[in-house]
């Protein structure tokens, strides 16, 4: 298990930006696939973006072109830059780690951070 701690959530108006950060407490961060998931109110949790150990990334269609996931292995950190936010982006966002270098399944989860986008 990897301890993950998110920060950076908050409230913003539509069209605004937020950056979420997640710090992982592990000596093998560089070998992990990291992901950001979200769970909107009353809906299932979904994978928003993931980045492999080799820094290849992919996104769910609804955020492609607006969100950017990045990692800093020296700081054990993965970030999610969110631009052009929409009310439908409102959700609790979770950082997650997979022991696989190129994919999930995600085994470790942060506590979540709330993102609220108002119209």
Protein backbone atom coordinates (compact mmCIF):
# COMPACT_ATOMS: atom_id res chain seq x y z
CA UNK A 1 0.00 0.00 0.00
CA UNK A 2 1.09 3.51 -0.84
CA UNK A 3 -0.02 6.48 1.23
CA UNK A 4 -1.38 9.23 -1.03
CA UNK A 5 -2.34 12.74 -0.03
CA UNK A 6 -4.19 15.11 -2.36
CA UNK A 7 -4.40 18.87 -2.22
CA UNK A 8 -5.58 21.72 -4.40
CA UNK A 9 -9.32 21.23 -4.59
CA UNK A 10 -11.74 24.08 -4.15
CA UNK A 11 -14.49 26.11 -5.75
CA UNK A 12 -14.16 27.90 -9.05
CA UNK A 13 -16.42 29.45 -11.66
CA UNK A 14 -16.95 27.82 -15.02
CA UNK A 15 -14.06 28.53 -17.34
CA UNK A 16 -11.60 28.72 -14.49
CA UNK A 17 -8.63 26.55 -13.61
CA UNK A 18 -7.41 24.46 -10.71
CA UNK A 19 -4.38 22.28 -10.13
CA UNK A 20 -4.61 19.18 -8.00
CA UNK A 21 -1.49 17.68 -6.46
CA UNK A 22 -0.86 14.29 -4.91
CA UNK A 23 2.18 13.29 -2.90
CA UNK A 24 2.99 9.60 -2.54
CA UNK A 25 4.86 8.11 0.38
CA UNK A 26 6.85 5.34 -1.27
CA UNK A 27 10.38 4.63 -2.42
CA UNK A 28 9.17 3.14 -5.71
CA UNK A 29 7.10 6.05 -7.02
CA UNK A 30 8.95 6.08 -10.34
CA UNK A 31 7.77 2.54 -11.09
CA UNK A 32 4.07 3.19 -10.50
CA UNK A 33 1.26 4.14 -12.80
CA UNK A 34 -0.59 7.06 -11.25
CA UNK A 35 -4.15 8.08 -11.91
CA UNK A 36 -6.73 10.69 -11.08
CA UNK A 37 -10.28 9.51 -10.69
CA UNK A 38 -13.42 11.44 -9.86
CA UNK A 39 -16.83 10.71 -8.43
CA UNK A 40 -19.60 13.21 -9.19
CA UNK A 41 -22.54 13.39 -6.79
CA UNK A 42 -24.76 10.34 -7.21
CA UNK A 43 -22.58 8.79 -9.89
CA UNK A 44 -19.95 6.09 -10.25
CA UNK A 45 -16.28 6.85 -9.86
CA UNK A 46 -14.44 7.15 -13.18
CA UNK A 47 -10.83 7.30 -14.28
CA UNK A 48 -10.10 10.80 -15.56
CA UNK A 49 -6.42 10.56 -16.45
CA UNK A 50 -3.47 8.27 -15.88
CA UNK A 51 0.26 8.49 -16.41
CA UNK A 52 2.58 5.52 -16.66
CA UNK A 53 6.04 5.14 -15.20
CA UNK A 54 7.34 6.18 -18.62
CA UNK A 55 5.15 9.31 -18.52
CA UNK A 56 2.73 8.20 -21.20
CA UNK A 57 -0.66 9.66 -20.42
CA UNK A 58 -4.24 9.20 -21.46
CA UNK A 59 -7.53 10.86 -20.65
CA UNK A 60 -11.22 10.22 -20.63
CA UNK A 61 -12.80 11.92 -23.65
CA UNK A 62 -14.72 14.44 -21.57
CA UNK A 63 -11.53 16.10 -20.27
CA UNK A 64 -9.11 15.57 -23.18
CA UNK A 65 -7.66 18.90 -24.25
CA UNK A 66 -8.63 20.59 -20.99
CA UNK A 67 -6.82 18.54 -18.32
CA UNK A 68 -3.13 17.67 -18.16
CA UNK A 69 -1.61 15.04 -15.90
CA UNK A 70 2.07 15.22 -15.05
CA UNK A 71 4.48 13.64 -12.63
CA UNK A 72 7.68 14.62 -10.85
CA UNK A 73 9.47 11.48 -9.75
CA UNK A 74 12.04 13.45 -7.76
CA UNK A 75 9.22 14.82 -5.58
CA UNK A 76 6.95 11.75 -5.62
CA UNK A 77 4.22 13.99 -6.96
CA UNK A 78 1.53 13.72 -9.61
CA UNK A 79 -0.44 16.77 -10.66
CA UNK A 80 -3.65 17.35 -12.56
CA UNK A 81 -3.90 20.74 -14.25
CA UNK A 82 -7.56 21.45 -14.99
CA UNK A 83 -8.45 24.25 -17.39
CA UNK A 84 -11.72 25.46 -18.88
CA UNK A 85 -13.60 23.85 -16.04
CA UNK A 86 -17.28 23.06 -16.48
CA UNK A 87 -20.03 22.49 -13.91
CA UNK A 88 -20.04 18.82 -14.91
CA UNK A 89 -16.46 18.56 -13.64
CA UNK A 90 -17.81 18.96 -10.12
CA UNK A 91 -16.78 15.86 -8.17
CA UNK A 92 -14.56 14.44 -5.49
CA UNK A 93 -11.21 13.80 -7.13
CA UNK A 94 -9.06 10.89 -6.00
CA UNK A 95 -5.41 10.17 -6.58
CA UNK A 96 -4.57 6.50 -7.05
CA UNK A 97 -1.53 4.32 -7.59
CA UNK A 98 -1.06 1.08 -9.47
CA UNK A 99 1.89 -1.25 -8.95
CA UNK A 100 1.91 -1.90 -12.69
CA UNK A 101 4.28 0.32 -14.66
CA UNK A 102 1.92 0.80 -17.61
CA UNK A 103 -1.62 0.48 -16.31
CA UNK A 104 -4.02 -0.28 -13.49
CA UNK A 105 -5.60 -1.80 -11.54
CA UNK A 106 -5.24 0.90 -8.93
CA UNK A 107 -4.61 -0.49 -5.47
CA UNK A 108 -3.90 2.56 -3.32
CA UNK A 109 -6.16 5.60 -2.96
CA UNK A 110 -6.03 9.03 -1.42
CA UNK A 111 -8.80 10.46 0.71
CA UNK A 112 -10.14 12.66 -2.08
CA UNK A 113 -10.43 16.38 -2.63
CA UNK A 114 -13.59 18.26 -3.58
CA UNK A 115 -13.77 20.28 -6.78
CA UNK A 116 -16.86 22.43 -7.28
CA UNK A 117 -17.46 24.35 -10.50
CA UNK A 118 -20.27 26.86 -10.53
CA UNK A 119 -21.99 28.20 -13.62
